[in-house]
Amino acid sequence: MKKKISRNKGQAVARAILDMDLQWSASFGELGLSDLNYSDLFCRMWIDDLEAFPKTALYDFMPGVSRRTAVRYVQSLIDSGLLAETSAEHDRRIKFVSLTPEIAHRLELFLGYVHDRFEGLDVTPR
């Protein structure tokens, strides 16, 4: 287990986390996506090198909700045009899903904000 950080450093980290959550809502709330489970989904899609994911793989990207709820969330995003769905060329029953340019752009701005917000924190124990 790592050494505890000082109360001041802990407070700085906690404030940064709360700011990150508020920024998520500011970035995605108008789309009805302020639920942080969408953050889990989009960030997990973003960090992988794949451009499109098997639709069923996305449900595991939302560990904070049941699989049934994740299925509804993903389908709702597809139906509203916030995620793009395509069929596999070799088998039309297999669906692949990718971030739309609008979501990718918003996510890039959000990640830039988070990077800047956390970059200034000195949380290394001494």
N, C-alpha and C. Protein backbone atom coordinates (compact mmCIF):
# COMPACT_ATOMS: atom_id res chain seq x y z
N MET A 1 0.84 -1.18 0.00
CA MET A 1 0.00 0.00 0.00
C MET A 1 0.88 1.24 0.00
N LYS A 2 0.47 2.22 -0.77
CA LYS A 2 1.25 3.45 -0.86
C LYS A 2 1.05 4.31 0.38
N LYS A 3 2.04 5.14 0.61
CA LYS A 3 2.00 6.09 1.71
C LYS A 3 0.85 7.07 1.52
N LYS A 4 0.19 7.44 2.61
CA LYS A 4 -0.89 8.40 2.54
C LYS A 4 -0.35 9.76 2.11
N ILE A 5 -1.17 10.48 1.38
CA ILE A 5 -0.78 11.83 1.02
C ILE A 5 -1.31 12.78 2.09
N SER A 6 -0.77 13.96 2.12
CA SER A 6 -1.19 14.94 3.12
C SER A 6 -2.65 15.35 2.87
N ARG A 7 -3.26 15.88 3.88
CA ARG A 7 -4.65 16.32 3.77
C ARG A 7 -4.79 17.38 2.67
N ASN A 8 -3.85 18.32 2.60
CA ASN A 8 -3.91 19.36 1.58
C ASN A 8 -3.84 18.77 0.17
N LYS A 9 -2.95 17.83 -0.03
CA LYS A 9 -2.84 17.19 -1.34
C LYS A 9 -4.10 16.39 -1.65
N GLY A 10 -4.61 15.70 -0.65
CA GLY A 10 -5.85 14.93 -0.83
C GLY A 10 -7.02 15.83 -1.21
N GLN A 11 -7.09 16.98 -0.55
CA GLN A 11 -8.15 17.94 -0.88
C GLN A 11 -8.00 18.46 -2.30
N ALA A 12 -6.77 18.71 -2.72
CA ALA A 12 -6.53 19.19 -4.08
C ALA A 12 -6.98 18.14 -5.10
N VAL A 13 -6.68 16.89 -4.84
CA VAL A 13 -7.09 15.81 -5.73
C VAL A 13 -8.62 15.69 -5.75
N ALA A 14 -9.23 15.74 -4.57
CA ALA A 14 -10.69 15.65 -4.49
C ALA A 14 -11.35 16.79 -5.26
N ARG A 15 -10.82 18.00 -5.13
CA ARG A 15 -11.38 19.14 -5.87
C ARG A 15 -11.23 18.92 -7.39
N ALA A 16 -10.09 18.39 -7.78
CA ALA A 16 -9.86 18.14 -9.21
C ALA A 16 -10.84 17.09 -9.73
N ILE A 17 -11.11 16.05 -8.94
CA ILE A 17 -12.07 15.02 -9.35
C ILE A 17 -13.47 15.62 -9.48
N LEU A 18 -13.85 16.43 -8.51
CA LEU A 18 -15.17 17.08 -8.58
C LEU A 18 -15.25 18.03 -9.78
N ASP A 19 -14.18 18.76 -10.05
CA ASP A 19 -14.14 19.63 -11.22
C ASP A 19 -14.27 18.82 -12.50
N MET A 20 -13.62 17.66 -12.53
CA MET A 20 -13.69 16.79 -13.70
C MET A 20 -15.13 16.35 -13.93
N ASP A 21 -15.82 15.95 -12.86
CA ASP A 21 -17.21 15.53 -12.98
C ASP A 21 -18.09 16.68 -13.47
N LEU A 22 -17.86 17.88 -12.94
CA LEU A 22 -18.63 19.05 -13.40
C LEU A 22 -18.35 19.36 -14.86
N GLN A 23 -17.10 19.20 -15.27
CA GLN A 23 -16.74 19.44 -16.66
C GLN A 23 -17.41 18.43 -17.57
N TRP A 24 -17.53 17.17 -17.11
CA TRP A 24 -18.23 16.16 -17.90
C TRP A 24 -19.66 16.63 -18.15
N SER A 25 -20.33 17.07 -17.09
CA SER A 25 -21.71 17.54 -17.23
C SER A 25 -21.79 18.75 -18.15
N ALA A 26 -20.83 19.66 -18.04
CA ALA A 26 -20.82 20.83 -18.90
C ALA A 26 -20.59 20.45 -20.36
N SER A 27 -19.79 19.43 -20.58
CA SER A 27 -19.45 19.02 -21.95
C SER A 27 -20.53 18.16 -22.61
N PHE A 28 -21.21 17.35 -21.80
CA PHE A 28 -22.13 16.36 -22.37
C PHE A 28 -23.57 16.47 -21.85
N GLY A 29 -23.79 17.31 -20.87
CA GLY A 29 -25.12 17.41 -20.26
C GLY A 29 -26.22 17.82 -21.22
N GLU A 30 -25.92 18.75 -22.14
CA GLU A 30 -26.94 19.21 -23.08
C GLU A 30 -27.39 18.09 -24.02
N LEU A 31 -26.58 17.05 -24.13
CA LEU A 31 -26.94 15.88 -24.95
C LEU A 31 -27.68 14.84 -24.13
N GLY A 32 -27.88 15.13 -22.84
CA GLY A 32 -28.52 14.16 -21.95
C GLY A 32 -27.57 13.08 -21.47
N LEU A 33 -26.27 13.37 -21.50
CA LEU A 33 -25.26 12.37 -21.17
C LEU A 33 -24.44 12.75 -19.94
N SER A 34 -25.07 13.39 -18.97
CA SER A 34 -24.32 13.81 -17.78
C SER A 34 -24.00 12.63 -16.85
N ASP A 35 -24.69 11.52 -17.02
CA ASP A 35 -24.41 10.30 -16.24
C ASP A 35 -22.95 9.88 -16.49
N LEU A 36 -22.20 9.69 -15.43
CA LEU A 36 -20.77 9.36 -15.58
C LEU A 36 -20.53 7.98 -16.18
N ASN A 37 -21.55 7.16 -16.30
CA ASN A 37 -21.38 5.88 -16.99
C ASN A 37 -21.08 6.11 -18.47
N TYR A 38 -21.57 7.20 -19.02
CA TYR A 38 -21.22 7.54 -20.40
C TYR A 38 -19.75 7.92 -20.49
N SER A 39 -19.23 8.54 -19.46
CA SER A 39 -17.80 8.85 -19.41
C SER A 39 -16.99 7.57 -19.47
N ASP A 40 -17.39 6.58 -18.68
CA ASP A 40 -16.71 5.28 -18.72
C ASP A 40 -16.71 4.71 -20.13
N LEU A 41 -17.86 4.72 -20.77
CA LEU A 41 -18.00 4.15 -22.11
C LEU A 41 -17.12 4.89 -23.12
N PHE A 42 -17.28 6.19 -23.19
CA PHE A 42 -16.53 6.96 -24.19
C PHE A 42 -15.03 6.92 -23.96
N CYS A 43 -14.61 7.03 -22.70
CA CYS A 43 -13.17 6.99 -22.41
C CYS A 43 -12.57 5.63 -22.72
N ARG A 44 -13.28 4.57 -22.42
CA ARG A 44 -12.76 3.23 -22.74
C ARG A 44 -12.69 3.02 -24.25
N MET A 45 -13.65 3.57 -24.97
CA MET A 45 -13.58 3.49 -26.43
C MET A 45 -12.40 4.31 -26.94
N TRP A 46 -12.18 5.45 -26.34
CA TRP A 46 -11.13 6.37 -26.78
C TRP A 46 -9.73 5.80 -26.59
N ILE A 47 -9.49 5.14 -25.45
CA ILE A 47 -8.13 4.70 -25.14
C ILE A 47 -7.70 3.47 -25.93
N ASP A 48 -8.64 2.76 -26.51
CA ASP A 48 -8.32 1.58 -27.29
C ASP A 48 -7.92 2.01 -28.70
N ASP A 49 -7.09 1.23 -29.34
CA ASP A 49 -6.65 1.56 -30.69
C ASP A 49 -7.68 1.22 -31.77
N LEU A 50 -8.71 0.49 -31.40
CA LEU A 50 -9.74 0.14 -32.38
C LEU A 50 -10.56 1.37 -32.75
N GLU A 51 -10.95 1.43 -34.00
CA GLU A 51 -11.82 2.52 -34.42
C GLU A 51 -13.28 2.16 -34.21
N ALA A 52 -13.59 0.88 -34.29
CA ALA A 52 -14.95 0.39 -34.08
C ALA A 52 -14.88 -0.87 -33.22
N PHE A 53 -15.88 -1.04 -32.40
CA PHE A 53 -15.91 -2.14 -31.44
C PHE A 53 -17.13 -3.02 -31.70
N PRO A 54 -16.97 -4.32 -31.48
CA PRO A 54 -18.17 -5.14 -31.53
C PRO A 54 -19.18 -4.58 -30.52
N LYS A 55 -20.40 -4.45 -30.97
CA LYS A 55 -21.42 -3.82 -30.13
C LYS A 55 -21.51 -4.47 -28.75
N THR A 56 -21.45 -5.78 -28.70
CA THR A 56 -21.58 -6.48 -27.42
C THR A 56 -20.41 -6.22 -26.48
N ALA A 57 -19.26 -5.84 -27.01
CA ALA A 57 -18.10 -5.53 -26.16
C ALA A 57 -18.31 -4.25 -25.36
N LEU A 58 -19.13 -3.34 -25.89
CA LEU A 58 -19.33 -2.05 -25.24
C LEU A 58 -20.03 -2.17 -23.89
N TYR A 59 -20.80 -3.18 -23.71
CA TYR A 59 -21.56 -3.31 -22.46
C TYR A 59 -20.63 -3.47 -21.26
N ASP A 60 -19.48 -4.09 -21.49
CA ASP A 60 -18.50 -4.25 -20.41
C ASP A 60 -17.77 -2.95 -20.12
N PHE A 61 -17.90 -1.97 -20.99
CA PHE A 61 -17.26 -0.67 -20.78
C PHE A 61 -18.03 0.20 -19.79
N MET A 62 -19.17 -0.29 -19.33
CA MET A 62 -20.00 0.47 -18.40
C MET A 62 -20.23 -0.37 -17.13
N PRO A 63 -19.18 -0.54 -16.32
CA PRO A 63 -19.29 -1.44 -15.16
C PRO A 63 -20.19 -0.91 -14.05
N GLY A 64 -20.58 0.35 -14.10
CA GLY A 64 -21.40 0.94 -13.04
C GLY A 64 -22.88 0.67 -13.19
N VAL A 65 -23.28 0.04 -14.29
CA VAL A 65 -24.69 -0.28 -14.52
C VAL A 65 -24.82 -1.76 -14.89
N SER A 66 -26.02 -2.27 -14.78
CA SER A 66 -26.26 -3.66 -15.15
C SER A 66 -26.07 -3.82 -16.66
N ARG A 67 -25.87 -5.03 -17.09
CA ARG A 67 -25.72 -5.29 -18.52
C ARG A 67 -26.97 -4.85 -19.28
N ARG A 68 -28.11 -5.10 -18.71
CA ARG A 68 -29.38 -4.72 -19.35
C ARG A 68 -29.45 -3.20 -19.56
N THR A 69 -29.04 -2.45 -18.54
CA THR A 69 -29.04 -1.00 -18.64
C THR A 69 -28.00 -0.54 -19.66
N ALA A 70 -26.82 -1.18 -19.66
CA ALA A 70 -25.79 -0.83 -20.63
C ALA A 70 -26.28 -1.05 -22.06
N VAL A 71 -27.02 -2.13 -22.28
CA VAL A 71 -27.59 -2.41 -23.60
C VAL A 71 -28.52 -1.26 -24.01
N ARG A 72 -29.36 -0.83 -23.09
CA ARG A 72 -30.28 0.28 -23.38
C ARG A 72 -29.52 1.58 -23.66
N TYR A 73 -28.51 1.87 -22.84
CA TYR A 73 -27.73 3.09 -23.03
C TYR A 73 -27.06 3.11 -24.40
N VAL A 74 -26.41 2.02 -24.75
CA VAL A 74 -25.70 1.95 -26.04
C VAL A 74 -26.68 2.07 -27.20
N GLN A 75 -27.79 1.37 -27.13
CA GLN A 75 -28.77 1.44 -28.21
C GLN A 75 -29.35 2.84 -28.33
N SER A 76 -29.59 3.49 -27.21
CA SER A 76 -30.10 4.85 -27.22
C SER A 76 -29.10 5.81 -27.89
N LEU A 77 -27.82 5.63 -27.61
CA LEU A 77 -26.78 6.46 -28.24
C LEU A 77 -26.75 6.23 -29.75
N ILE A 78 -26.93 5.00 -30.16
CA ILE A 78 -26.95 4.67 -31.59
C ILE A 78 -28.18 5.29 -32.24
N ASP A 79 -29.34 5.10 -31.61
CA ASP A 79 -30.59 5.62 -32.16
C ASP A 79 -30.58 7.14 -32.28
N SER A 80 -29.89 7.81 -31.36
CA SER A 80 -29.85 9.27 -31.40
C SER A 80 -28.70 9.80 -32.26
N GLY A 81 -27.91 8.91 -32.86
CA GLY A 81 -26.83 9.32 -33.75
C GLY A 81 -25.56 9.75 -33.05
N LEU A 82 -25.43 9.46 -31.75
CA LEU A 82 -24.24 9.85 -31.01
C LEU A 82 -23.15 8.78 -31.06
N LEU A 83 -23.51 7.58 -31.40
CA LEU A 83 -22.57 6.51 -31.74
C LEU A 83 -22.97 6.01 -33.12
N ALA A 84 -22.00 5.60 -33.90
CA ALA A 84 -22.25 5.10 -35.25
C ALA A 84 -22.20 3.58 -35.25
N GLU A 85 -23.19 2.96 -35.88
CA GLU A 85 -23.25 1.50 -35.96
C GLU A 85 -23.14 1.07 -37.41
N THR A 86 -22.28 0.07 -37.65
CA THR A 86 -22.14 -0.50 -38.98
C THR A 86 -22.18 -2.02 -38.86
N SER A 87 -22.51 -2.66 -39.96
CA SER A 87 -22.53 -4.12 -40.00
C SER A 87 -21.20 -4.64 -40.52
N ALA A 88 -20.81 -5.80 -40.03
CA ALA A 88 -19.60 -6.45 -40.53
C ALA A 88 -19.83 -6.87 -41.99
N GLU A 89 -18.81 -6.73 -42.81
CA GLU A 89 -18.96 -7.08 -44.21
C GLU A 89 -19.20 -8.57 -44.40
N HIS A 90 -18.56 -9.39 -43.61
CA HIS A 90 -18.66 -10.83 -43.77
C HIS A 90 -19.91 -11.43 -43.13
N ASP A 91 -20.54 -10.70 -42.22
CA ASP A 91 -21.74 -11.21 -41.54
C ASP A 91 -22.55 -10.01 -41.06
N ARG A 92 -23.62 -9.71 -41.75
CA ARG A 92 -24.43 -8.53 -41.45
C ARG A 92 -25.07 -8.57 -40.06
N ARG A 93 -25.07 -9.72 -39.42
CA ARG A 93 -25.63 -9.81 -38.06
C ARG A 93 -24.68 -9.23 -37.02
N ILE A 94 -23.40 -9.16 -37.34
CA ILE A 94 -22.41 -8.61 -36.42
C ILE A 94 -22.35 -7.10 -36.59
N LYS A 95 -22.52 -6.39 -35.48
CA LYS A 95 -22.54 -4.93 -35.52
C LYS A 95 -21.28 -4.37 -34.86
N PHE A 96 -20.76 -3.31 -35.46
CA PHE A 96 -19.62 -2.58 -34.91
C PHE A 96 -20.07 -1.16 -34.60
N VAL A 97 -19.52 -0.61 -33.53
CA VAL A 97 -19.92 0.72 -33.08
C VAL A 97 -18.67 1.58 -32.89
N SER A 98 -18.79 2.84 -33.29
CA SER A 98 -17.68 3.78 -33.14
C SER A 98 -18.21 5.13 -32.64
N LEU A 99 -17.29 5.94 -32.14
CA LEU A 99 -17.63 7.30 -31.73
C LEU A 99 -17.93 8.13 -32.97
N THR A 100 -18.92 8.99 -32.90
CA THR A 100 -19.17 9.91 -33.99
C THR A 100 -18.17 11.07 -33.88
N PRO A 101 -17.95 11.79 -34.96
CA PRO A 101 -17.04 12.94 -34.89
C PRO A 101 -17.44 13.95 -33.81
N GLU A 102 -18.74 14.20 -33.64
CA GLU A 102 -19.18 15.15 -32.61
C GLU A 102 -18.78 14.69 -31.21
N ILE A 103 -19.02 13.43 -30.91
CA ILE A 103 -18.67 12.90 -29.58
C ILE A 103 -17.16 12.87 -29.42
N ALA A 104 -16.44 12.45 -30.46
CA ALA A 104 -14.97 12.41 -30.37
C ALA A 104 -14.42 13.81 -30.10
N HIS A 105 -14.97 14.82 -30.76
CA HIS A 105 -14.51 16.19 -30.56
C HIS A 105 -14.79 16.66 -29.13
N ARG A 106 -15.99 16.43 -28.64
CA ARG A 106 -16.32 16.82 -27.27
C ARG A 106 -15.42 16.08 -26.28
N LEU A 107 -15.17 14.82 -26.55
CA LEU A 107 -14.33 14.02 -25.66
C LEU A 107 -12.90 14.54 -25.65
N GLU A 108 -12.38 14.91 -26.80
CA GLU A 108 -11.04 15.49 -26.87
C GLU A 108 -10.94 16.76 -26.03
N LEU A 109 -11.94 17.62 -26.13
CA LEU A 109 -11.96 18.85 -25.33
C LEU A 109 -12.03 18.53 -23.84
N PHE A 110 -12.88 17.57 -23.48
CA PHE A 110 -13.00 17.16 -22.08
C PHE A 110 -11.67 16.60 -21.56
N LEU A 111 -11.05 15.72 -22.33
CA LEU A 111 -9.78 15.12 -21.90
C LEU A 111 -8.68 16.18 -21.80
N GLY A 112 -8.70 17.16 -22.68
CA GLY A 112 -7.75 18.26 -22.58
C GLY A 112 -7.94 19.04 -21.29
N TYR A 113 -9.19 19.29 -20.94
CA TYR A 113 -9.48 19.99 -19.69
C TYR A 113 -8.96 19.17 -18.50
N VAL A 114 -9.27 17.89 -18.48
CA VAL A 114 -8.86 17.03 -17.36
C VAL A 114 -7.34 16.97 -17.27
N HIS A 115 -6.68 16.86 -18.40
CA HIS A 115 -5.22 16.83 -18.39
C HIS A 115 -4.67 18.11 -17.76
N ASP A 116 -5.17 19.24 -18.22
CA ASP A 116 -4.70 20.51 -17.68
C ASP A 116 -5.01 20.63 -16.19
N ARG A 117 -6.17 20.16 -15.79
CA ARG A 117 -6.60 20.29 -14.39
C ARG A 117 -5.73 19.44 -13.47
N PHE A 118 -5.39 18.24 -13.89
CA PHE A 118 -4.60 17.35 -13.05
C PHE A 118 -3.10 17.57 -13.19
N GLU A 119 -2.67 18.15 -14.30
CA GLU A 119 -1.25 18.34 -14.55
C GLU A 119 -0.57 19.17 -13.46
N GLY A 120 -1.27 20.13 -12.93
CA GLY A 120 -0.67 21.01 -11.94
C GLY A 120 -0.63 20.43 -10.53
N LEU A 121 -1.26 19.30 -10.32
CA LEU A 121 -1.29 18.72 -8.99
C LEU A 121 0.02 17.99 -8.68
N ASP A 122 0.56 18.27 -7.54
CA ASP A 122 1.74 17.54 -7.07
C ASP A 122 1.25 16.58 -5.99
N VAL A 123 0.96 15.35 -6.41
CA VAL A 123 0.41 14.38 -5.47
C VAL A 123 1.41 13.28 -5.12
N THR A 124 2.63 13.44 -5.55
CA THR A 124 3.66 12.46 -5.26
C THR A 124 4.03 12.52 -3.78
N PRO A 125 3.89 11.39 -3.06
CA PRO A 125 4.28 11.41 -1.64
C PRO A 125 5.77 11.67 -1.50
N ARG A 126 6.13 12.38 -0.46
CA ARG A 126 7.56 12.67 -0.23
C ARG A 126 8.07 11.91 0.95
